[in-house]
Amino acid sequence: MFELSAVGLPLAVLGITLIYIAAPYVMPGNAAPTCDLNDRADMRYLSEFQVSPDSKLIGQNPVPFFAEKYPSFELFEVIRGARIYYPDREEVVIAPMTFCLSRDRPTTWLRC
């Protein structure tokens, strides 16, 4: 049993090193959609909203749209049918009845 360690140990070290080096290039980085748990005045909450058919957001890329109007707004996912788009990794255009997962302060939504 221990005669395999001469080959297995260097291969294990090589495999772990390869995963450590290649992981940032192979696996995409995702922002974790979490709420703020601290009791602060500027707490940000997760929200999911559906784009109505008469929205000004239809036909636009949501990242520059929200960055211009609401700088603290963070968009995680755009869900259309069975497909999930990640706006920070791919170009997406909003269509009617699209769901969006985001995080921001509640007062932002009162101004929309």
Protein backbone atom coordinates (compact mmCIF):
# COMPACT_ATOMS: atom_id res chain seq x y z
CA MET A 1 0.00 0.00 0.00
CA PHE A 2 2.76 2.46 0.86
CA GLU A 3 4.65 1.74 -2.34
CA LEU A 4 2.08 3.92 -4.19
CA SER A 5 2.90 7.00 -2.14
CA ALA A 6 6.11 7.62 -4.11
CA VAL A 7 3.99 8.23 -7.22
CA GLY A 8 0.70 9.33 -5.62
CA LEU A 9 2.01 12.08 -3.37
CA PRO A 10 3.77 14.07 -6.14
CA LEU A 11 0.72 13.63 -8.40
CA ALA A 12 -1.58 14.89 -5.63
CA VAL A 13 0.63 17.93 -5.03
CA LEU A 14 0.77 18.60 -8.78
CA GLY A 15 -3.03 18.27 -9.06
CA ILE A 16 -3.70 20.64 -6.16
CA THR A 17 -1.23 23.16 -7.59
CA LEU A 18 -2.86 22.94 -11.03
CA ILE A 19 -6.32 23.51 -9.55
CA TYR A 20 -5.07 26.45 -7.49
CA ILE A 21 -3.47 28.12 -10.52
CA ALA A 22 -6.13 27.30 -13.15
CA ALA A 23 -9.29 27.85 -11.08
CA PRO A 24 -9.53 31.65 -11.53
CA TYR A 25 -9.30 31.21 -15.32
CA VAL A 26 -11.61 28.21 -15.67
CA MET A 27 -14.30 28.98 -13.09
CA PRO A 28 -16.20 32.26 -13.40
CA GLY A 29 -16.40 34.51 -10.39
CA ASN A 30 -19.91 35.00 -9.08
CA ALA A 31 -21.08 37.70 -6.74
CA ALA A 32 -22.94 36.10 -3.88
CA PRO A 33 -26.45 37.52 -3.59
CA THR A 34 -26.66 38.13 0.16
CA CYS A 35 -28.40 40.65 2.38
CA ASP A 36 -26.60 42.91 4.81
CA LEU A 37 -26.97 41.49 8.29
CA ASN A 38 -25.58 44.42 10.25
CA ASP A 39 -28.03 46.91 11.72
CA ARG A 40 -27.06 50.03 9.79
CA ALA A 41 -28.91 52.99 8.37
CA ASP A 42 -27.84 52.22 4.80
CA MET A 43 -28.72 48.50 4.72
CA ARG A 44 -29.17 46.91 1.32
CA TYR A 45 -31.68 44.15 0.70
CA LEU A 46 -32.12 41.48 -1.94
CA SER A 47 -35.06 41.97 -4.23
CA GLU A 48 -36.45 40.24 -7.26
CA PHE A 49 -38.53 42.26 -9.66
CA GLN A 50 -40.27 41.61 -12.92
CA VAL A 51 -39.98 44.09 -15.78
CA SER A 52 -43.45 45.23 -16.87
CA PRO A 53 -44.35 45.42 -20.58
CA ASP A 54 -44.43 49.24 -20.51
CA SER A 55 -41.10 49.73 -18.68
CA LYS A 56 -38.40 52.17 -19.86
CA LEU A 57 -35.86 49.41 -19.22
CA ILE A 58 -37.03 47.25 -22.17
CA GLY A 59 -34.46 47.03 -24.96
CA GLN A 60 -31.65 48.42 -22.82
CA ASN A 61 -28.60 46.92 -21.17
CA PRO A 62 -29.42 47.05 -17.43
CA VAL A 63 -25.85 47.58 -16.20
CA PRO A 64 -25.29 51.11 -17.61
CA PHE A 65 -28.97 51.95 -17.13
CA PHE A 66 -28.86 51.34 -13.38
CA ALA A 67 -25.27 52.59 -12.93
CA GLU A 68 -26.30 55.99 -14.26
CA LYS A 69 -29.52 56.39 -12.28
CA TYR A 70 -28.80 54.36 -9.11
CA PRO A 71 -25.05 54.02 -8.38
CA SER A 72 -25.51 51.79 -5.31
CA PHE A 73 -27.73 49.33 -7.23
CA GLU A 74 -26.17 45.89 -7.77
CA LEU A 75 -27.66 43.50 -10.36
CA PHE A 76 -26.82 39.81 -9.91
CA GLU A 77 -28.96 37.89 -12.39
CA VAL A 78 -31.38 38.48 -15.23
CA ILE A 79 -33.81 35.57 -15.66
CA ARG A 80 -35.69 35.13 -18.92
CA GLY A 81 -37.65 31.90 -19.26
CA ALA A 82 -35.38 29.01 -18.31
CA ARG A 83 -32.15 30.95 -19.02
CA ILE A 84 -30.17 32.87 -16.40
CA TYR A 85 -27.90 35.68 -17.60
CA TYR A 86 -25.11 37.21 -15.52
CA PRO A 87 -24.86 40.90 -16.55
CA ASP A 88 -21.31 41.31 -15.28
CA ARG A 89 -20.10 38.53 -17.64
CA GLU A 90 -22.30 38.81 -20.71
CA GLU A 91 -24.22 41.44 -22.65
CA VAL A 92 -27.93 41.22 -21.93
CA VAL A 93 -30.87 43.25 -23.18
CA ILE A 94 -34.02 43.43 -21.09
CA ALA A 95 -37.24 42.04 -22.57
CA PRO A 96 -40.78 42.30 -21.16
CA MET A 97 -41.62 39.96 -18.29
CA THR A 98 -37.94 39.43 -17.43
CA PHE A 99 -37.04 38.79 -13.78
CA CYS A 100 -34.04 40.52 -12.19
CA LEU A 101 -32.29 39.66 -8.92
CA SER A 102 -30.71 42.72 -7.33
CA ARG A 103 -29.56 44.33 -4.11
CA ASP A 104 -30.03 47.91 -2.97
CA ARG A 105 -31.66 50.13 -0.36
CA PRO A 106 -35.50 50.13 -0.23
CA THR A 107 -35.61 53.89 -0.88
CA THR A 108 -34.20 53.28 -4.37
CA TRP A 109 -37.28 51.29 -5.31
CA LEU A 110 -39.59 53.98 -4.02
CA ARG A 111 -38.04 56.41 -6.53
CA CYS A 112 -38.36 54.09 -9.57
